[in-house]
Amino acid sequence: MPKLDLNSVPQIKESLPVFGKITDRSSRIDWLDSYLSLYKLPQPSAELSFYCGKIEVSQQSIFSAAWQPPKAEGTAIIVHGYLDNLGLYRHLIEHLIRQNLTVVCFDLPGLGLSDGEQAFIGNFADYTLALQAILDLCQKQFTAPFHGLGQSTGGAILLKHLLDHQAKEDYPFKSLNLLAPLLHPKGWWLNRHILPFIKLFRKSLKRHFGNSSHDSEFLTFIREKDIFQPKTMPIPWFEAADKWVQQFETFNGNDFPVNIIQGTEDTTLDWKYNLRVFKEKLPNMRLNLINEAYHHMANETKDIRSQIFDAIEL
């Protein structure tokens, strides 16, 4: 039985089953209980079916998990942020289950239990390719309507997916709720100009664990206990993010009623600039400003988090 630690991750990835329902304890994947316990994720029960495993996307395995109540009234797909993994989203998962929704999460390429060089992406199109594969799976196995929820980079991925589906008749989501969606990070104008020089000497940047939440327990967990947290950020990710920004800023716009939830104490994003651009490109955008909330809105303290979750529109 492989232990859930950094040394066992390659073996666990190699042994991932094809995505499917975990029918009983005897059929559990041997590391699964440790995984669910580490992240305090909902446990399967008679009232909550659980699915997990890999799906193949462009010859890469993408790890996904889903929780399904008995008579689900729809399906919520959570797209996590950069450097995150699906295990960090238990509060949002539990909230959406209480709304009687099936909740589907997946690890982005290069993060968590998904394949790929850690924290690397060459183009945000690789992210949307994985998202579309998850959507295809959900449309076959789970109940419509479908709701997209994204944190930070996850919000950018959902926006790019929206841009890629300009024909309204084939757009699969009924609602989009974006928590502090990524466009310009703080200081992006400077970073954009010095990046070409940095890449001459370095392939990656050392990660700095900032205060992205008021929840000290969460911050300690990602700094000290989460085995999937990258310690460096590859330069090509920043280049891919810059291409995404340029694509969005030259985009004509879309009238889908995107719901953006943004914290006023976010020090990760240049959020005031971002909101101006979002409003220009998304004329039917709805905005909910959450006083005092930091960047990682899915993991804020309980009192702030309740305001964030109350602002979600499904």
C-alpha atoms as a PDB file:
ATOM      1  CA  MET A   1       0.000   0.000   0.000  1.00  0.00           C
ATOM      2  CA  PRO A   2       1.720   3.227  -1.108  1.00  0.00           C
ATOM      3  CA  LYS A   3       1.967   5.939   1.508  1.00  0.00           C
ATOM      4  CA  LEU A   4       0.711   9.359   0.453  1.00  0.00           C
ATOM      5  CA  ASP A   5       3.944  11.353   0.327  1.00  0.00           C
ATOM      6  CA  LEU A   6       6.218  12.907  -2.278  1.00  0.00           C
ATOM      7  CA  ASN A   7       8.109   9.653  -2.836  1.00  0.00           C
ATOM      8  CA  SER A   8       4.937   7.741  -3.621  1.00  0.00           C
ATOM      9  CA  VAL A   9       3.390  10.309  -6.005  1.00  0.00           C
ATOM     10  CA  PRO A  10       4.927   8.811  -9.192  1.00  0.00           C
ATOM     11  CA  GLN A  11       3.634   5.347  -8.205  1.00  0.00           C
ATOM     12  CA  ILE A  12       0.184   6.754  -7.388  1.00  0.00           C
ATOM     13  CA  LYS A  13      -0.009   8.564 -10.719  1.00  0.00           C
ATOM     14  CA  GLU A  14       1.016   5.393 -12.524  1.00  0.00           C
ATOM     15  CA  SER A  15      -1.688   3.371 -10.768  1.00  0.00           C
ATOM     16  CA  LEU A  16      -4.596   5.800 -11.244  1.00  0.00           C
ATOM     17  CA  PRO A  17      -7.708   4.004 -12.501  1.00  0.00           C
ATOM     18  CA  VAL A  18      -9.876   5.321 -15.310  1.00  0.00           C
ATOM     19  CA  PHE A  19     -12.419   7.829 -13.925  1.00  0.00           C
ATOM     20  CA  GLY A  20     -15.375   5.981 -12.471  1.00  0.00           C
ATOM     21  CA  LYS A  21     -17.574   5.429  -9.454  1.00  0.00           C
ATOM     22  CA  ILE A  22     -16.027   4.050  -6.283  1.00  0.00           C
ATOM     23  CA  THR A  23     -18.753   1.573  -5.376  1.00  0.00           C
ATOM     24  CA  ASP A  24     -17.740   0.350  -1.908  1.00  0.00           C
ATOM     25  CA  ARG A  25     -14.877   0.325   0.587  1.00  0.00           C
ATOM     26  CA  SER A  26     -13.485  -2.941  -0.771  1.00  0.00           C
ATOM     27  CA  SER A  27     -12.977  -1.309  -4.162  1.00  0.00           C
ATOM     28  CA  ARG A  28     -11.278   1.790  -2.763  1.00  0.00           C
ATOM     29  CA  ILE A  29      -7.945   2.791  -4.225  1.00  0.00           C
ATOM     30  CA  ASP A  30      -5.397   1.951  -1.528  1.00  0.00           C
ATOM     31  CA  TRP A  31      -4.207   5.560  -1.004  1.00  0.00           C
ATOM     32  CA  LEU A  32      -7.625   7.180  -1.357  1.00  0.00           C
ATOM     33  CA  ASP A  33      -8.602   7.275   2.320  1.00  0.00           C
ATOM     34  CA  SER A  34      -5.323   9.011   3.163  1.00  0.00           C
ATOM     35  CA  TYR A  35      -5.907  11.507   0.337  1.00  0.00           C
ATOM     36  CA  LEU A  36      -9.447  12.369   1.429  1.00  0.00           C
ATOM     37  CA  SER A  37      -8.332  12.650   5.050  1.00  0.00           C
ATOM     38  CA  LEU A  38      -5.321  14.866   4.276  1.00  0.00           C
ATOM     39  CA  TYR A  39      -7.547  17.444   2.571  1.00  0.00           C
ATOM     40  CA  LYS A  40     -10.631  16.798   4.760  1.00  0.00           C
ATOM     41  CA  LEU A  41     -12.676  16.166   1.628  1.00  0.00           C
ATOM     42  CA  PRO A  42     -16.214  14.726   1.859  1.00  0.00           C
ATOM     43  CA  GLN A  43     -16.240  10.999   2.474  1.00  0.00           C
ATOM     44  CA  PRO A  44     -18.356   8.717   0.256  1.00  0.00           C
ATOM     45  CA  SER A  45     -21.559   7.488   1.910  1.00  0.00           C
ATOM     46  CA  ALA A  46     -24.978   6.060   1.127  1.00  0.00           C
ATOM     47  CA  GLU A  47     -26.129   9.650   0.509  1.00  0.00           C
ATOM     48  CA  LEU A  48     -23.076  10.821  -1.423  1.00  0.00           C
ATOM     49  CA  SER A  49     -21.607   8.877  -4.339  1.00  0.00           C
ATOM     50  CA  PHE A  50     -17.945   9.404  -5.099  1.00  0.00           C
ATOM     51  CA  TYR A  51     -16.088   9.140  -8.392  1.00  0.00           C
ATOM     52  CA  CYS A  52     -12.402   9.571  -9.150  1.00  0.00           C
ATOM     53  CA  GLY A  53      -9.648   8.583 -11.547  1.00  0.00           C
ATOM     54  CA  LYS A  54      -7.922   9.766 -14.680  1.00  0.00           C
ATOM     55  CA  ILE A  55      -9.095  10.920 -18.061  1.00  0.00           C
ATOM     56  CA  GLU A  56      -6.759  11.116 -21.044  1.00  0.00           C
ATOM     57  CA  VAL A  57      -6.214  14.523 -22.656  1.00  0.00           C
ATOM     58  CA  SER A  58      -3.622  14.819 -25.446  1.00  0.00           C
ATOM     59  CA  GLN A  59      -1.756  11.761 -24.132  1.00  0.00           C
ATOM     60  CA  GLN A  60      -1.701  13.156 -20.598  1.00  0.00           C
ATOM     61  CA  SER A  61      -3.629  11.855 -17.614  1.00  0.00           C
ATOM     62  CA  ILE A  62      -5.813  14.400 -15.830  1.00  0.00           C
ATOM     63  CA  PHE A  63      -6.933  13.461 -12.319  1.00  0.00           C
ATOM     64  CA  SER A  64     -10.550  14.213 -11.505  1.00  0.00           C
ATOM     65  CA  ALA A  65     -12.933  13.625  -8.602  1.00  0.00           C
ATOM     66  CA  ALA A  66     -16.684  14.075  -8.217  1.00  0.00           C
ATOM     67  CA  TRP A  67     -19.285  13.975  -5.457  1.00  0.00           C
ATOM     68  CA  GLN A  68     -22.902  13.217  -6.413  1.00  0.00           C
ATOM     69  CA  PRO A  69     -25.957  13.562  -4.150  1.00  0.00           C
ATOM     70  CA  PRO A  70     -28.875  11.131  -4.764  1.00  0.00           C
ATOM     71  CA  LYS A  71     -31.058  13.465  -6.835  1.00  0.00           C
ATOM     72  CA  ALA A  72     -28.678  16.121  -8.095  1.00  0.00           C
ATOM     73  CA  GLU A  73     -30.276  19.177  -9.699  1.00  0.00           C
ATOM     74  CA  GLY A  74     -27.242  20.055 -11.790  1.00  0.00           C
ATOM     75  CA  THR A  75     -23.456  19.854 -11.882  1.00  0.00           C
ATOM     76  CA  ALA A  76     -20.835  22.338 -10.688  1.00  0.00           C
ATOM     77  CA  ILE A  77     -17.344  22.188 -12.187  1.00  0.00           C
ATOM     78  CA  ILE A  78     -14.609  23.802 -10.080  1.00  0.00           C
ATOM     79  CA  VAL A  79     -11.439  25.024 -11.813  1.00  0.00           C
ATOM     80  CA  HIS A  80      -8.699  25.661  -9.281  1.00  0.00           C
ATOM     81  CA  GLY A  81      -6.009  28.333  -9.255  1.00  0.00           C
ATOM     82  CA  TYR A  82      -2.363  28.233 -10.298  1.00  0.00           C
ATOM     83  CA  LEU A  83      -0.149  26.227  -7.901  1.00  0.00           C
ATOM     84  CA  ASP A  84      -3.304  24.752  -6.308  1.00  0.00           C
ATOM     85  CA  ASN A  85      -4.836  21.299  -6.558  1.00  0.00           C
ATOM     86  CA  LEU A  86      -8.427  20.117  -6.174  1.00  0.00           C
ATOM     87  CA  GLY A  87      -7.834  18.965  -2.600  1.00  0.00           C
ATOM     88  CA  LEU A  88      -7.776  22.570  -1.391  1.00  0.00           C
ATOM     89  CA  TYR A  89     -11.416  23.221  -2.304  1.00  0.00           C
ATOM     90  CA  ARG A  90     -13.314  21.340   0.389  1.00  0.00           C
ATOM     91  CA  HIS A  91     -15.242  24.408   1.617  1.00  0.00           C
ATOM     92  CA  LEU A  92     -16.534  25.194  -1.862  1.00  0.00           C
ATOM     93  CA  ILE A  93     -17.214  21.510  -2.578  1.00  0.00           C
ATOM     94  CA  GLU A  94     -19.266  21.189   0.619  1.00  0.00           C
ATOM     95  CA  HIS A  95     -21.173  24.404  -0.121  1.00  0.00           C
ATOM     96  CA  LEU A  96     -22.132  23.230  -3.607  1.00  0.00           C
ATOM     97  CA  ILE A  97     -23.157  19.778  -2.400  1.00  0.00           C
ATOM     98  CA  ARG A  98     -25.524  21.547   0.028  1.00  0.00           C
ATOM     99  CA  GLN A  99     -27.061  23.215  -3.050  1.00  0.00           C
ATOM    100  CA  ASN A 100     -27.887  19.677  -4.246  1.00  0.00           C
ATOM    101  CA  LEU A 101     -25.345  19.761  -7.054  1.00  0.00           C
ATOM    102  CA  THR A 102     -22.923  17.126  -8.247  1.00  0.00           C
ATOM    103  CA  VAL A 103     -19.472  18.683  -7.784  1.00  0.00           C
ATOM    104  CA  VAL A 104     -16.670  17.861 -10.216  1.00  0.00           C
ATOM    105  CA  CYS A 105     -13.056  18.951  -9.661  1.00  0.00           C
ATOM    106  CA  PHE A 106      -9.861  18.202 -11.540  1.00  0.00           C
ATOM    107  CA  ASP A 107      -6.156  18.898 -11.180  1.00  0.00           C
ATOM    108  CA  LEU A 108      -4.850  21.172 -13.909  1.00  0.00           C
ATOM    109  CA  PRO A 109      -2.007  19.794 -16.072  1.00  0.00           C
ATOM    110  CA  GLY A 110       1.264  19.897 -14.166  1.00  0.00           C
ATOM    111  CA  LEU A 111      -0.445  20.176 -10.764  1.00  0.00           C
ATOM    112  CA  GLY A 112      -1.731  17.757  -8.141  1.00  0.00           C
ATOM    113  CA  LEU A 113      -2.058  14.205  -9.474  1.00  0.00           C
ATOM    114  CA  SER A 114      -2.302  15.219 -13.132  1.00  0.00           C
ATOM    115  CA  ASP A 115       0.511  14.582 -15.597  1.00  0.00           C
ATOM    116  CA  GLY A 116       2.884  17.254 -16.834  1.00  0.00           C
ATOM    117  CA  GLU A 117       5.981  19.129 -15.719  1.00  0.00           C
ATOM    118  CA  GLN A 118       5.157  20.652 -12.350  1.00  0.00           C
ATOM    119  CA  ALA A 119       3.463  24.083 -12.586  1.00  0.00           C
ATOM    120  CA  PHE A 120       4.371  24.300 -16.309  1.00  0.00           C
ATOM    121  CA  ILE A 121       2.072  25.297 -19.145  1.00  0.00           C
ATOM    122  CA  GLY A 122       3.059  26.405 -22.623  1.00  0.00           C
ATOM    123  CA  ASN A 123      -0.288  27.887 -23.564  1.00  0.00           C
ATOM    124  CA  PHE A 124      -3.543  28.466 -21.676  1.00  0.00           C
ATOM    125  CA  ALA A 125      -5.203  26.514 -24.500  1.00  0.00           C
ATOM    126  CA  ASP A 126      -3.804  23.397 -22.792  1.00  0.00           C
ATOM    127  CA  TYR A 127      -5.858  24.310 -19.731  1.00  0.00           C
ATOM    128  CA  THR A 128      -9.056  24.821 -21.732  1.00  0.00           C
ATOM    129  CA  LEU A 129      -8.453  21.517 -23.537  1.00  0.00           C
ATOM    130  CA  ALA A 130      -8.484  19.769 -20.155  1.00  0.00           C
ATOM    131  CA  LEU A 131     -11.605  21.708 -19.103  1.00  0.00           C
ATOM    132  CA  GLN A 132     -13.415  20.699 -22.302  1.00  0.00           C
ATOM    133  CA  ALA A 133     -12.528  17.046 -21.716  1.00  0.00           C
ATOM    134  CA  ILE A 134     -14.026  17.301 -18.210  1.00  0.00           C
ATOM    135  CA  LEU A 135     -17.144  18.908 -19.678  1.00  0.00           C
ATOM    136  CA  ASP A 136     -17.465  16.123 -22.246  1.00  0.00           C
ATOM    137  CA  LEU A 137     -17.275  13.579 -19.429  1.00  0.00           C
ATOM    138  CA  CYS A 138     -19.836  15.461 -17.322  1.00  0.00           C
ATOM    139  CA  GLN A 139     -22.296  15.716 -20.206  1.00  0.00           C
ATOM    140  CA  LYS A 140     -22.188  11.926 -20.530  1.00  0.00           C
ATOM    141  CA  GLN A 141     -22.335  11.020 -16.828  1.00  0.00           C
ATOM    142  CA  PHE A 142     -23.903  13.833 -14.803  1.00  0.00           C
ATOM    143  CA  THR A 143     -26.990  16.011 -14.654  1.00  0.00           C
ATOM    144  CA  ALA A 144     -27.430  19.328 -16.470  1.00  0.00           C
ATOM    145  CA  PRO A 145     -27.409  22.295 -16.112  1.00  0.00           C
ATOM    146  CA  PHE A 146     -23.681  22.894 -15.727  1.00  0.00           C
ATOM    147  CA  HIS A 147     -22.159  25.664 -13.629  1.00  0.00           C
ATOM    148  CA  GLY A 148     -18.539  26.828 -13.855  1.00  0.00           C
ATOM    149  CA  LEU A 149     -16.681  28.128 -10.802  1.00  0.00           C
ATOM    150  CA  GLY A 150     -13.085  29.297 -11.017  1.00  0.00           C
ATOM    151  CA  GLN A 151     -10.548  30.649  -8.542  1.00  0.00           C
ATOM    152  CA  SER A 152      -7.886  33.052  -9.913  1.00  0.00           C
ATOM    153  CA  THR A 153      -6.247  31.238 -12.861  1.00  0.00           C
ATOM    154  CA  GLY A 154      -9.283  28.946 -12.838  1.00  0.00           C
ATOM    155  CA  GLY A 155     -11.378  32.038 -13.546  1.00  0.00           C
ATOM    156  CA  ALA A 156      -9.102  32.967 -16.454  1.00  0.00           C
ATOM    157  CA  ILE A 157      -9.468  29.445 -17.852  1.00  0.00           C
ATOM    158  CA  LEU A 158     -13.251  29.695 -17.726  1.00  0.00           C
ATOM    159  CA  LEU A 159     -13.086  33.101 -19.418  1.00  0.00           C
ATOM    160  CA  LYS A 160     -10.837  31.757 -22.170  1.00  0.00           C
ATOM    161  CA  HIS A 161     -13.241  28.856 -22.644  1.00  0.00           C
ATOM    162  CA  LEU A 162     -16.066  31.407 -22.973  1.00  0.00           C
ATOM    163  CA  LEU A 163     -14.080  33.335 -25.596  1.00  0.00           C
ATOM    164  CA  ASP A 164     -13.505  30.106 -27.500  1.00  0.00           C
ATOM    165  CA  HIS A 165     -17.280  29.471 -27.643  1.00  0.00           C
ATOM    166  CA  GLN A 166     -18.633  32.608 -29.255  1.00  0.00           C
ATOM    167  CA  ALA A 167     -21.518  30.633 -30.768  1.00  0.00           C
ATOM    168  CA  LYS A 168     -24.055  30.790 -27.943  1.00  0.00           C
ATOM    169  CA  GLU A 169     -25.862  27.640 -28.984  1.00  0.00           C
ATOM    170  CA  ASP A 170     -22.870  25.407 -28.183  1.00  0.00           C
ATOM    171  CA  TYR A 171     -21.858  27.052 -24.885  1.00  0.00           C
ATOM    172  CA  PRO A 172     -22.336  24.449 -22.133  1.00  0.00           C
ATOM    173  CA  PHE A 173     -22.452  26.548 -18.937  1.00  0.00           C
ATOM    174  CA  LYS A 174     -25.603  28.021 -17.447  1.00  0.00           C
ATOM    175  CA  SER A 175     -23.619  30.186 -15.016  1.00  0.00           C
ATOM    176  CA  LEU A 176     -20.048  31.343 -14.422  1.00  0.00           C
ATOM    177  CA  ASN A 177     -18.859  32.430 -10.984  1.00  0.00           C
ATOM    178  CA  LEU A 178     -15.287  33.703 -10.921  1.00  0.00           C
ATOM    179  CA  LEU A 179     -13.483  34.252  -7.627  1.00  0.00           C
ATOM    180  CA  ALA A 180     -10.711  36.855  -8.042  1.00  0.00           C
ATOM    181  CA  PRO A 181     -10.155  35.927 -11.708  1.00  0.00           C
ATOM    182  CA  LEU A 182      -6.650  36.365 -13.074  1.00  0.00           C
ATOM    183  CA  LEU A 183      -5.835  39.045 -15.609  1.00  0.00           C
ATOM    184  CA  HIS A 184      -3.053  41.379 -14.444  1.00  0.00           C
ATOM    185  CA  PRO A 185      -1.171  40.253 -11.344  1.00  0.00           C
ATOM    186  CA  LYS A 186       0.214  43.000  -9.147  1.00  0.00           C
ATOM    187  CA  GLY A 187       3.162  44.679 -10.883  1.00  0.00           C
ATOM    188  CA  TRP A 188       2.439  42.980 -14.200  1.00  0.00           C
ATOM    189  CA  TRP A 189       3.510  45.948 -16.337  1.00  0.00           C
ATOM    190  CA  LEU A 190       7.025  45.773 -14.886  1.00  0.00           C
ATOM    191  CA  ASN A 191       7.170  41.965 -14.981  1.00  0.00           C
ATOM    192  CA  ARG A 192       6.112  41.934 -18.635  1.00  0.00           C
ATOM    193  CA  HIS A 193       9.133  44.047 -19.597  1.00  0.00           C
ATOM    194  CA  ILE A 194      11.773  42.346 -17.455  1.00  0.00           C
ATOM    195  CA  LEU A 195      10.675  38.775 -18.224  1.00  0.00           C
ATOM    196  CA  PRO A 196      12.628  38.583 -21.527  1.00  0.00           C
ATOM    197  CA  PHE A 197      15.814  39.391 -19.615  1.00  0.00           C
ATOM    198  CA  ILE A 198      15.134  37.015 -16.712  1.00  0.00           C
ATOM    199  CA  LYS A 199      14.591  34.065 -19.068  1.00  0.00           C
ATOM    200  CA  LEU A 200      18.124  34.496 -20.404  1.00  0.00           C
ATOM    201  CA  PHE A 201      19.481  33.425 -17.032  1.00  0.00           C
ATOM    202  CA  ARG A 202      16.740  31.411 -15.295  1.00  0.00           C
ATOM    203  CA  LYS A 203      14.242  28.711 -16.210  1.00  0.00           C
ATOM    204  CA  SER A 204      12.037  29.333 -13.197  1.00  0.00           C
ATOM    205  CA  LEU A 205      11.376  31.690 -10.302  1.00  0.00           C
ATOM    206  CA  LYS A 206      11.371  30.757  -6.645  1.00  0.00           C
ATOM    207  CA  ARG A 207       7.888  30.766  -5.191  1.00  0.00           C
ATOM    208  CA  HIS A 208       7.021  33.138  -2.373  1.00  0.00           C
ATOM    209  CA  PHE A 209       4.200  32.023  -0.095  1.00  0.00           C
ATOM    210  CA  GLY A 210       2.318  35.236   0.575  1.00  0.00           C
ATOM    211  CA  ASN A 211      -0.669  35.887   2.805  1.00  0.00           C
ATOM    212  CA  SER A 212      -3.425  34.974   0.352  1.00  0.00           C
ATOM    213  CA  SER A 213      -6.047  34.387   3.080  1.00  0.00           C
ATOM    214  CA  HIS A 214      -6.900  35.467   6.611  1.00  0.00           C
ATOM    215  CA  ASP A 215      -7.120  31.761   7.520  1.00  0.00           C
ATOM    216  CA  SER A 216      -3.796  31.006   9.219  1.00  0.00           C
ATOM    217  CA  GLU A 217      -4.559  27.265   9.318  1.00  0.00           C
ATOM    218  CA  PHE A 218      -4.919  27.224   5.523  1.00  0.00           C
ATOM    219  CA  LEU A 219      -1.688  29.184   5.038  1.00  0.00           C
ATOM    220  CA  THR A 220       0.210  26.798   7.314  1.00  0.00           C
ATOM    221  CA  PHE A 221      -1.231  23.811   5.469  1.00  0.00           C
ATOM    222  CA  ILE A 222      -0.081  24.917   2.016  1.00  0.00           C
ATOM    223  CA  ARG A 223       3.327  25.954   3.304  1.00  0.00           C
ATOM    224  CA  GLU A 224       4.063  22.870   5.393  1.00  0.00           C
ATOM    225  CA  LYS A 225       1.658  19.968   4.787  1.00  0.00           C
ATOM    226  CA  ASP A 226       0.400  19.986   1.203  1.00  0.00           C
ATOM    227  CA  ILE A 227       2.726  17.624  -0.667  1.00  0.00           C
ATOM    228  CA  PHE A 228       1.599  18.927  -4.067  1.00  0.00           C
ATOM    229  CA  GLN A 229       2.640  22.566  -3.566  1.00  0.00           C
ATOM    230  CA  PRO A 230       5.254  23.653  -6.165  1.00  0.00           C
ATOM    231  CA  LYS A 231       8.290  25.494  -4.834  1.00  0.00           C
ATOM    232  CA  THR A 232       9.195  27.123  -8.167  1.00  0.00           C
ATOM    233  CA  MET A 233       7.266  28.670 -11.075  1.00  0.00           C
ATOM    234  CA  PRO A 234       8.535  27.980 -14.622  1.00  0.00           C
ATOM    235  CA  ILE A 235       9.149  31.049 -16.788  1.00  0.00           C
ATOM    236  CA  PRO A 236       7.033  29.667 -19.688  1.00  0.00           C
ATOM    237  CA  TRP A 237       3.937  29.842 -17.450  1.00  0.00           C
ATOM    238  CA  PHE A 238       4.377  33.623 -17.173  1.00  0.00           C
ATOM    239  CA  GLU A 239       4.771  33.868 -20.942  1.00  0.00           C
ATOM    240  CA  ALA A 240       1.594  31.837 -21.441  1.00  0.00           C
ATOM    241  CA  ALA A 241      -0.223  34.076 -18.944  1.00  0.00           C
ATOM    242  CA  ASP A 242       0.936  37.155 -20.845  1.00  0.00           C
ATOM    243  CA  LYS A 243      -0.404  35.707 -24.113  1.00  0.00           C
ATOM    244  CA  TRP A 244      -3.737  35.111 -22.375  1.00  0.00           C
ATOM    245  CA  VAL A 245      -3.843  38.725 -21.143  1.00  0.00           C
ATOM    246  CA  GLN A 246      -3.147  40.040 -24.636  1.00  0.00           C
ATOM    247  CA  GLN A 247      -5.823  37.776 -26.085  1.00  0.00           C
ATOM    248  CA  PHE A 248      -8.423  38.982 -23.595  1.00  0.00           C
ATOM    249  CA  GLU A 249      -7.515  42.670 -23.938  1.00  0.00           C
ATOM    250  CA  THR A 250      -7.956  42.519 -27.740  1.00  0.00           C
ATOM    251  CA  PHE A 251     -11.153  40.462 -27.525  1.00  0.00           C
ATOM    252  CA  ASN A 252     -14.347  42.127 -28.773  1.00  0.00           C
ATOM    253  CA  GLY A 253     -16.459  41.097 -25.796  1.00  0.00           C
ATOM    254  CA  ASN A 254     -19.190  38.711 -24.738  1.00  0.00           C
ATOM    255  CA  ASP A 255     -22.598  39.449 -23.216  1.00  0.00           C
ATOM    256  CA  PHE A 256     -22.778  36.295 -21.062  1.00  0.00           C
ATOM    257  CA  PRO A 257     -23.706  37.392 -17.489  1.00  0.00           C
ATOM    258  CA  VAL A 258     -20.444  36.452 -15.743  1.00  0.00           C
ATOM    259  CA  ASN A 259     -20.563  36.832 -11.957  1.00  0.00           C
ATOM    260  CA  ILE A 260     -17.255  38.140 -10.561  1.00  0.00           C
ATOM    261  CA  ILE A 261     -16.538  38.004  -6.837  1.00  0.00           C
ATOM    262  CA  GLN A 262     -13.512  40.056  -5.806  1.00  0.00           C
ATOM    263  CA  GLY A 263     -11.868  40.809  -2.470  1.00  0.00           C
ATOM    264  CA  THR A 264     -10.903  44.371  -1.627  1.00  0.00           C
ATOM    265  CA  GLU A 265      -7.692  43.310   0.158  1.00  0.00           C
ATOM    266  CA  ASP A 266      -6.353  41.185  -2.701  1.00  0.00           C
ATOM    267  CA  THR A 267      -2.605  41.868  -2.968  1.00  0.00           C
ATOM    268  CA  THR A 268      -1.974  39.219  -5.639  1.00  0.00           C
ATOM    269  CA  LEU A 269      -3.879  40.922  -8.456  1.00  0.00           C
ATOM    270  CA  ASP A 270      -4.064  44.425  -9.865  1.00  0.00           C
ATOM    271  CA  TRP A 271      -7.771  43.909  -9.311  1.00  0.00           C
ATOM    272  CA  LYS A 272      -8.998  47.474  -9.861  1.00  0.00           C
ATOM    273  CA  TYR A 273      -7.441  47.535 -13.326  1.00  0.00           C
ATOM    274  CA  ASN A 274      -8.774  44.041 -14.012  1.00  0.00           C
ATOM    275  CA  LEU A 275     -12.341  45.005 -13.117  1.00  0.00           C
ATOM    276  CA  ARG A 276     -12.237  47.936 -15.542  1.00  0.00           C
ATOM    277  CA  VAL A 277     -11.210  45.606 -18.359  1.00  0.00           C
ATOM    278  CA  PHE A 278     -13.739  42.953 -17.363  1.00  0.00           C
ATOM    279  CA  LYS A 279     -16.522  45.539 -17.361  1.00  0.00           C
ATOM    280  CA  GLU A 280     -15.498  46.713 -20.832  1.00  0.00           C
ATOM    281  CA  LYS A 281     -15.327  43.218 -22.304  1.00  0.00           C
ATOM    282  CA  LEU A 282     -18.216  41.689 -20.337  1.00  0.00           C
ATOM    283  CA  PRO A 283     -20.994  44.313 -20.417  1.00  0.00           C
ATOM    284  CA  ASN A 284     -23.456  42.094 -18.519  1.00  0.00           C
ATOM    285  CA  MET A 285     -20.930  41.294 -15.814  1.00  0.00           C
ATOM    286  CA  ARG A 286     -22.210  41.247 -12.255  1.00  0.00           C
ATOM    287  CA  LEU A 287     -19.768  42.324  -9.548  1.00  0.00           C
ATOM    288  CA  ASN A 288     -19.676  41.448  -5.869  1.00  0.00           C
ATOM    289  CA  LEU A 289     -16.947  43.185  -3.860  1.00  0.00           C
ATOM    290  CA  ILE A 290     -16.157  41.444  -0.577  1.00  0.00           C
ATOM    291  CA  ASN A 291     -14.674  43.784   2.003  1.00  0.00           C
ATOM    292  CA  GLU A 292     -11.414  42.593   3.591  1.00  0.00           C
ATOM    293  CA  ALA A 293     -11.197  39.395   1.512  1.00  0.00           C
ATOM    294  CA  TYR A 294      -7.719  38.414   0.329  1.00  0.00           C
ATOM    295  CA  HIS A 295      -6.948  36.569  -2.913  1.00  0.00           C
ATOM    296  CA  HIS A 296      -7.660  32.913  -2.146  1.00  0.00           C
ATOM    297  CA  MET A 297     -11.381  33.408  -1.733  1.00  0.00           C
ATOM    298  CA  ALA A 298     -12.274  29.710  -1.623  1.00  0.00           C
ATOM    299  CA  ASN A 299     -10.184  29.458   1.559  1.00  0.00           C
ATOM    300  CA  GLU A 300     -10.931  32.624   3.463  1.00  0.00           C
ATOM    301  CA  THR A 301     -11.967  32.603   7.117  1.00  0.00           C
ATOM    302  CA  LYS A 302     -15.488  31.358   7.805  1.00  0.00           C
ATOM    303  CA  ASP A 303     -17.135  34.781   8.234  1.00  0.00           C
ATOM    304  CA  ILE A 304     -15.628  36.186   5.019  1.00  0.00           C
ATOM    305  CA  ARG A 305     -16.114  32.908   3.173  1.00  0.00           C
ATOM    306  CA  SER A 306     -19.832  32.904   3.981  1.00  0.00           C
ATOM    307  CA  GLN A 307     -20.172  36.302   2.263  1.00  0.00           C
ATOM    308  CA  ILE A 308     -18.263  34.980  -0.758  1.00  0.00           C
ATOM    309  CA  PHE A 309     -20.429  31.869  -1.047  1.00  0.00           C
ATOM    310  CA  ASP A 310     -23.607  33.900  -0.571  1.00  0.00           C
ATOM    311  CA  ALA A 311     -22.554  35.951  -3.622  1.00  0.00           C
ATOM    312  CA  ILE A 312     -22.381  32.861  -5.872  1.00  0.00           C
ATOM    313  CA  GLU A 313     -25.245  32.817  -8.382  1.00  0.00           C
ATOM    314  CA  LEU A 314     -26.365  29.453  -9.751  1.00  0.00           C
END
